[in-house]
C-alpha cells in the first residue's frame, strides 16, 4: 500500500509494540516488546525484525484524524488481502477500546469486509 497524503510519525504511540504477537521475537499479544525503550520507540531500531521494519498502520499512513491515533482509541487498523485477494480492513483491538474505534469499524464495514482481531495473550 502506498502512503496517503498526510505524513505522520508514531510520536508517543507504541501500541504496535504491545498489542500484536510478533513471532520473530517470541512476543505474545498484549505484552510490551522487551525492546521497547522507556521513552517509547524501539531500543534496537536498526536491528528490529523485518515484520517491524515493514509495518505501518493506516493512521501512520495518513488515514483517520490526528485524534484517532491507535493508542488513543485502543485499536490498530491495517489493510490486508485475504486468500481471494480481496481487500479487508483488519482491526486489532486492545483490551480497552474506545467508542470511536467501534464507530470507525462500523463505518468501514459499510464499504469493505472488516476482520476484528482480538489476540489473546
N, C-alpha and C. Protein backbone atom coordinates (compact mmCIF):
# COMPACT_ATOMS: atom_id res chain seq x y z
N UNK A 1 0.83 -1.17 0.00
CA UNK A 1 0.00 0.00 0.00
C UNK A 1 0.88 1.24 0.00
N UNK A 2 0.52 2.21 -0.78
CA UNK A 2 1.30 3.44 -0.83
C UNK A 2 0.87 4.37 0.27
N UNK A 3 1.74 5.30 0.59
CA UNK A 3 1.44 6.28 1.64
C UNK A 3 0.34 7.21 1.18
N UNK A 4 -0.49 7.63 2.10
CA UNK A 4 -1.52 8.60 1.82
C UNK A 4 -0.92 9.99 1.95
N UNK A 5 -1.73 11.02 1.81
CA UNK A 5 -1.21 12.38 1.71
C UNK A 5 -0.68 12.98 3.02
N UNK A 6 -1.04 12.46 4.15
CA UNK A 6 -0.62 13.04 5.43
C UNK A 6 0.62 12.31 5.93
N UNK A 7 1.68 13.06 6.19
CA UNK A 7 2.91 12.47 6.74
C UNK A 7 2.82 12.53 8.26
N UNK A 8 2.99 11.40 8.90
CA UNK A 8 2.92 11.34 10.36
C UNK A 8 4.10 10.54 10.89
N UNK A 9 4.36 10.73 12.16
CA UNK A 9 5.32 9.89 12.87
C UNK A 9 4.57 9.26 14.04
N UNK A 10 5.11 8.21 14.57
CA UNK A 10 4.45 7.49 15.66
C UNK A 10 4.29 8.36 16.91
N UNK A 11 5.26 9.23 17.16
CA UNK A 11 5.21 10.05 18.36
C UNK A 11 5.18 9.15 19.59
N UNK A 12 4.30 9.43 20.54
CA UNK A 12 4.26 8.62 21.76
C UNK A 12 3.52 7.28 21.59
N UNK A 13 2.93 7.05 20.43
CA UNK A 13 2.20 5.79 20.22
C UNK A 13 3.17 4.63 20.05
N UNK A 14 2.95 3.56 20.79
CA UNK A 14 3.74 2.34 20.62
C UNK A 14 2.85 1.11 20.76
N UNK A 15 1.57 1.26 20.45
CA UNK A 15 0.62 0.15 20.61
C UNK A 15 0.99 -1.04 19.72
N UNK A 16 1.65 -0.78 18.57
CA UNK A 16 2.05 -1.89 17.71
C UNK A 16 3.22 -2.67 18.31
N UNK A 17 3.84 -2.11 19.34
CA UNK A 17 4.92 -2.81 20.06
C UNK A 17 4.36 -3.60 21.25
N UNK A 18 3.06 -3.48 21.47
CA UNK A 18 2.43 -4.13 22.61
C UNK A 18 1.29 -5.06 22.18
N UNK A 19 0.40 -4.57 21.33
CA UNK A 19 -0.84 -5.28 21.02
C UNK A 19 -0.65 -6.60 20.25
N UNK A 20 -0.02 -6.60 19.07
CA UNK A 20 0.07 -7.87 18.33
C UNK A 20 1.16 -8.79 18.86
N UNK A 21 1.01 -10.06 18.55
CA UNK A 21 2.10 -11.00 18.80
C UNK A 21 3.12 -10.79 17.67
N UNK A 22 4.39 -11.00 17.97
CA UNK A 22 5.45 -10.89 16.96
C UNK A 22 6.28 -12.15 17.06
N UNK A 23 6.04 -13.07 16.14
CA UNK A 23 6.66 -14.40 16.21
C UNK A 23 8.18 -14.33 16.14
N UNK A 24 8.74 -13.41 15.35
CA UNK A 24 10.19 -13.31 15.22
C UNK A 24 10.87 -12.99 16.56
N UNK A 25 10.11 -12.39 17.47
CA UNK A 25 10.65 -12.03 18.78
C UNK A 25 10.08 -12.90 19.90
N UNK A 26 9.27 -13.88 19.53
CA UNK A 26 8.57 -14.72 20.51
C UNK A 26 7.78 -13.85 21.50
N UNK A 27 7.22 -12.75 20.97
CA UNK A 27 6.47 -11.82 21.80
C UNK A 27 4.99 -12.14 21.73
N UNK A 28 4.37 -12.46 22.87
CA UNK A 28 2.93 -12.72 22.86
C UNK A 28 2.12 -11.43 22.73
N UNK A 29 0.88 -11.57 22.33
CA UNK A 29 -0.02 -10.43 22.20
C UNK A 29 -0.27 -9.79 23.56
N UNK A 30 -0.58 -8.51 23.52
CA UNK A 30 -0.91 -7.73 24.73
C UNK A 30 0.23 -7.70 25.74
N UNK A 31 1.47 -7.80 25.24
CA UNK A 31 2.65 -7.77 26.09
C UNK A 31 3.65 -6.80 25.46
N UNK A 32 4.14 -5.83 26.22
CA UNK A 32 5.13 -4.91 25.63
C UNK A 32 6.37 -5.67 25.16
N UNK A 33 6.87 -5.28 24.01
CA UNK A 33 8.10 -5.86 23.48
C UNK A 33 9.24 -5.54 24.43
N UNK A 34 10.15 -6.51 24.67
CA UNK A 34 11.25 -6.24 25.58
C UNK A 34 12.27 -5.28 24.96
N UNK A 35 12.11 -4.95 23.68
CA UNK A 35 12.99 -3.96 23.04
C UNK A 35 12.42 -2.54 23.14
N UNK A 36 11.24 -2.42 23.68
CA UNK A 36 10.60 -1.11 23.80
C UNK A 36 11.38 -0.24 24.78
N UNK A 37 11.82 0.92 24.31
CA UNK A 37 12.61 1.83 25.14
C UNK A 37 11.70 2.54 26.15
N UNK A 38 12.23 2.89 27.33
CA UNK A 38 11.42 3.57 28.34
C UNK A 38 10.75 4.85 27.84
N UNK A 39 11.41 5.58 26.96
CA UNK A 39 10.85 6.82 26.42
C UNK A 39 9.95 6.56 25.21
N UNK A 40 9.75 5.30 24.84
CA UNK A 40 8.96 4.94 23.67
C UNK A 40 9.86 4.62 22.49
N UNK A 41 9.34 3.95 21.53
CA UNK A 41 10.11 3.56 20.36
C UNK A 41 10.96 2.34 20.64
N UNK A 42 11.58 1.85 19.59
CA UNK A 42 12.37 0.63 19.69
C UNK A 42 13.78 0.92 20.19
N UNK A 43 14.19 0.18 21.20
CA UNK A 43 15.52 0.33 21.76
C UNK A 43 16.61 -0.25 20.87
N UNK A 44 16.21 -1.09 19.90
CA UNK A 44 17.18 -1.63 18.94
C UNK A 44 16.64 -1.42 17.52
N UNK A 45 16.31 -0.16 17.24
CA UNK A 45 15.64 0.22 15.99
C UNK A 45 16.35 -0.31 14.75
N UNK A 46 17.66 -0.18 14.67
CA UNK A 46 18.40 -0.60 13.47
C UNK A 46 18.45 -2.12 13.32
N UNK A 47 18.15 -2.85 14.39
CA UNK A 47 18.21 -4.31 14.36
C UNK A 47 16.84 -4.96 14.51
N UNK A 48 15.78 -4.18 14.38
CA UNK A 48 14.44 -4.75 14.57
C UNK A 48 14.10 -5.70 13.43
N UNK A 49 13.22 -6.68 13.69
CA UNK A 49 12.89 -7.68 12.66
C UNK A 49 12.16 -7.06 11.46
N UNK A 50 12.18 -7.78 10.35
CA UNK A 50 11.52 -7.34 9.12
C UNK A 50 10.05 -6.98 9.36
N UNK A 51 9.36 -7.77 10.17
CA UNK A 51 7.95 -7.50 10.45
C UNK A 51 7.78 -6.08 10.98
N UNK A 52 8.64 -5.68 11.87
CA UNK A 52 8.57 -4.34 12.46
C UNK A 52 9.02 -3.28 11.46
N UNK A 53 10.05 -3.58 10.68
CA UNK A 53 10.56 -2.61 9.71
C UNK A 53 9.51 -2.27 8.65
N UNK A 54 8.74 -3.25 8.23
CA UNK A 54 7.77 -3.05 7.15
C UNK A 54 6.42 -2.53 7.64
N UNK A 55 6.18 -2.57 8.92
CA UNK A 55 4.84 -2.27 9.43
C UNK A 55 4.57 -0.77 9.51
N UNK A 56 3.40 -0.40 9.05
CA UNK A 56 2.88 0.97 9.22
C UNK A 56 1.36 0.87 9.25
N UNK A 57 0.77 1.24 10.35
CA UNK A 57 -0.70 1.19 10.46
C UNK A 57 -1.31 2.26 9.56
N UNK A 58 -2.62 2.18 9.36
CA UNK A 58 -3.30 3.14 8.49
C UNK A 58 -3.27 4.56 9.04
N UNK A 59 -3.26 4.71 10.35
CA UNK A 59 -3.16 6.06 10.91
C UNK A 59 -1.81 6.67 10.54
N UNK A 60 -0.75 5.89 10.67
CA UNK A 60 0.59 6.38 10.33
C UNK A 60 0.68 6.71 8.85
N UNK A 61 -0.04 5.98 8.03
CA UNK A 61 -0.03 6.20 6.58
C UNK A 61 -0.90 7.40 6.16
N UNK A 62 -1.58 8.01 7.13
CA UNK A 62 -2.32 9.23 6.82
C UNK A 62 -3.83 9.12 6.84
N UNK A 63 -4.35 7.95 7.13
CA UNK A 63 -5.80 7.78 7.21
C UNK A 63 -6.26 8.15 8.61
N UNK A 64 -7.46 8.58 8.74
CA UNK A 64 -8.08 8.94 10.02
C UNK A 64 -7.63 10.33 10.50
N UNK A 65 -8.32 10.81 11.51
CA UNK A 65 -8.00 12.09 12.13
C UNK A 65 -6.77 11.94 13.03
N UNK A 66 -6.11 13.05 13.31
CA UNK A 66 -4.97 13.00 14.24
C UNK A 66 -5.39 12.41 15.58
N UNK A 67 -6.60 12.73 16.02
CA UNK A 67 -7.10 12.25 17.31
C UNK A 67 -7.44 10.76 17.31
N UNK A 68 -7.38 10.12 16.15
CA UNK A 68 -7.65 8.68 16.04
C UNK A 68 -6.37 7.85 16.15
N UNK A 69 -5.32 8.44 16.71
CA UNK A 69 -4.06 7.70 16.87
C UNK A 69 -4.35 6.40 17.61
N UNK A 70 -3.78 5.29 17.17
CA UNK A 70 -4.12 3.97 17.72
C UNK A 70 -4.08 3.84 19.24
N UNK A 71 -3.07 4.42 19.88
CA UNK A 71 -3.00 4.30 21.34
C UNK A 71 -4.11 5.08 22.04
N UNK A 72 -4.67 6.07 21.37
CA UNK A 72 -5.73 6.87 21.96
C UNK A 72 -7.11 6.22 21.82
N UNK A 73 -7.29 5.42 20.75
CA UNK A 73 -8.61 4.79 20.53
C UNK A 73 -8.60 3.29 20.87
N UNK A 74 -7.43 2.73 21.13
CA UNK A 74 -7.36 1.32 21.51
C UNK A 74 -7.53 0.34 20.37
N UNK A 75 -7.12 0.76 19.17
CA UNK A 75 -7.25 -0.13 18.01
C UNK A 75 -6.22 0.25 16.95
N UNK A 76 -5.69 -0.77 16.30
CA UNK A 76 -4.79 -0.58 15.16
C UNK A 76 -5.55 -1.03 13.92
N UNK A 77 -5.55 -0.21 12.89
CA UNK A 77 -6.20 -0.56 11.63
C UNK A 77 -5.13 -0.77 10.56
N UNK A 78 -5.35 -1.80 9.74
CA UNK A 78 -4.43 -2.11 8.64
C UNK A 78 -5.21 -2.76 7.51
N UNK A 79 -4.76 -2.56 6.28
CA UNK A 79 -5.37 -3.26 5.14
C UNK A 79 -4.69 -4.61 4.99
N UNK A 80 -5.43 -5.57 4.51
CA UNK A 80 -4.93 -6.92 4.32
C UNK A 80 -5.62 -7.50 3.11
N UNK A 81 -4.94 -8.36 2.37
CA UNK A 81 -5.58 -9.09 1.29
C UNK A 81 -5.81 -10.51 1.75
N UNK A 82 -7.07 -10.97 1.61
CA UNK A 82 -7.37 -12.34 2.03
C UNK A 82 -6.96 -13.32 0.94
N UNK A 83 -7.28 -14.59 1.11
CA UNK A 83 -6.86 -15.64 0.18
C UNK A 83 -7.39 -15.42 -1.24
N UNK A 84 -8.51 -14.73 -1.36
CA UNK A 84 -9.09 -14.45 -2.69
C UNK A 84 -8.64 -13.10 -3.23
N UNK A 85 -7.63 -12.51 -2.63
CA UNK A 85 -7.07 -11.20 -3.00
C UNK A 85 -8.10 -10.08 -2.85
N UNK A 86 -9.03 -10.26 -1.94
CA UNK A 86 -9.98 -9.21 -1.63
C UNK A 86 -9.41 -8.38 -0.49
N UNK A 87 -9.53 -7.06 -0.63
CA UNK A 87 -9.00 -6.18 0.40
C UNK A 87 -9.92 -6.20 1.62
N UNK A 88 -9.31 -6.38 2.77
CA UNK A 88 -10.01 -6.47 4.04
C UNK A 88 -9.38 -5.45 4.99
N UNK A 89 -10.20 -4.81 5.80
CA UNK A 89 -9.68 -3.96 6.86
C UNK A 89 -9.56 -4.81 8.10
N UNK A 90 -8.35 -4.88 8.65
CA UNK A 90 -8.15 -5.61 9.90
C UNK A 90 -8.09 -4.60 11.03
N UNK A 91 -8.81 -4.89 12.07
CA UNK A 91 -8.81 -4.06 13.27
C UNK A 91 -8.29 -4.90 14.42
N UNK A 92 -7.15 -4.52 14.95
CA UNK A 92 -6.58 -5.20 16.13
C UNK A 92 -7.01 -4.40 17.34
N UNK A 93 -7.74 -5.05 18.23
CA UNK A 93 -8.32 -4.34 19.36
C UNK A 93 -7.51 -4.55 20.64
N UNK A 94 -7.32 -3.46 21.35
CA UNK A 94 -6.70 -3.52 22.66
C UNK A 94 -7.74 -4.01 23.67
N UNK A 95 -7.30 -4.28 24.87
CA UNK A 95 -8.25 -4.72 25.90
C UNK A 95 -9.26 -3.63 26.23
N UNK A 96 -8.84 -2.38 26.10
CA UNK A 96 -9.75 -1.24 26.28
C UNK A 96 -9.85 -0.50 24.96
N UNK A 97 -10.99 -0.62 24.32
CA UNK A 97 -11.22 0.02 23.04
C UNK A 97 -12.26 1.13 23.23
N UNK A 98 -12.09 2.23 22.53
CA UNK A 98 -13.00 3.36 22.69
C UNK A 98 -14.20 3.25 21.75
N UNK A 99 -15.23 4.02 22.06
CA UNK A 99 -16.39 4.09 21.17
C UNK A 99 -15.99 4.57 19.79
N UNK A 100 -15.02 5.47 19.72
CA UNK A 100 -14.57 5.99 18.42
C UNK A 100 -14.04 4.86 17.54
N UNK A 101 -13.28 3.94 18.10
CA UNK A 101 -12.77 2.81 17.33
C UNK A 101 -13.93 1.96 16.80
N UNK A 102 -14.94 1.76 17.62
CA UNK A 102 -16.10 0.97 17.19
C UNK A 102 -16.88 1.68 16.09
N UNK A 103 -16.95 3.00 16.17
CA UNK A 103 -17.61 3.78 15.12
C UNK A 103 -16.84 3.64 13.80
N UNK A 104 -15.51 3.70 13.88
CA UNK A 104 -14.70 3.54 12.67
C UNK A 104 -14.90 2.15 12.05
N UNK A 105 -14.94 1.14 12.89
CA UNK A 105 -15.17 -0.22 12.40
C UNK A 105 -16.52 -0.30 11.70
N UNK A 106 -17.56 0.25 12.31
CA UNK A 106 -18.90 0.22 11.71
C UNK A 106 -18.92 0.97 10.38
N UNK A 107 -18.27 2.12 10.33
CA UNK A 107 -18.25 2.91 9.10
C UNK A 107 -17.52 2.17 7.98
N UNK A 108 -16.38 1.59 8.28
CA UNK A 108 -15.64 0.86 7.26
C UNK A 108 -16.38 -0.39 6.80
N UNK A 109 -17.11 -1.03 7.70
CA UNK A 109 -17.80 -2.27 7.34
C UNK A 109 -18.89 -2.04 6.30
N UNK A 110 -19.29 -0.81 6.08
CA UNK A 110 -20.27 -0.50 5.03
C UNK A 110 -19.63 -0.50 3.65
N UNK A 111 -18.29 -0.44 3.61
CA UNK A 111 -17.60 -0.32 2.33
C UNK A 111 -16.74 -1.53 1.97
N UNK A 112 -16.25 -2.25 2.97
CA UNK A 112 -15.40 -3.40 2.70
C UNK A 112 -15.45 -4.35 3.90
N UNK A 113 -15.05 -5.60 3.69
CA UNK A 113 -15.05 -6.54 4.80
C UNK A 113 -14.10 -6.10 5.91
N UNK A 114 -14.51 -6.34 7.14
CA UNK A 114 -13.69 -5.99 8.30
C UNK A 114 -13.45 -7.25 9.11
N UNK A 115 -12.19 -7.50 9.44
CA UNK A 115 -11.83 -8.62 10.31
C UNK A 115 -11.37 -8.03 11.63
N UNK A 116 -12.02 -8.42 12.70
CA UNK A 116 -11.64 -7.93 14.01
C UNK A 116 -10.76 -8.98 14.68
N UNK A 117 -9.55 -8.57 15.02
CA UNK A 117 -8.59 -9.48 15.63
C UNK A 117 -8.47 -9.15 17.11
N UNK A 118 -8.88 -10.06 17.92
CA UNK A 118 -8.74 -9.91 19.36
C UNK A 118 -7.75 -10.97 19.80
N UNK A 119 -6.49 -10.63 19.71
CA UNK A 119 -5.45 -11.60 20.02
C UNK A 119 -5.41 -11.87 21.50
N UNK A 120 -5.23 -13.11 21.85
CA UNK A 120 -5.12 -13.47 23.25
C UNK A 120 -3.67 -13.41 23.67
N UNK A 121 -3.46 -13.20 24.90
CA UNK A 121 -2.07 -13.15 25.36
C UNK A 121 -2.00 -12.94 26.83
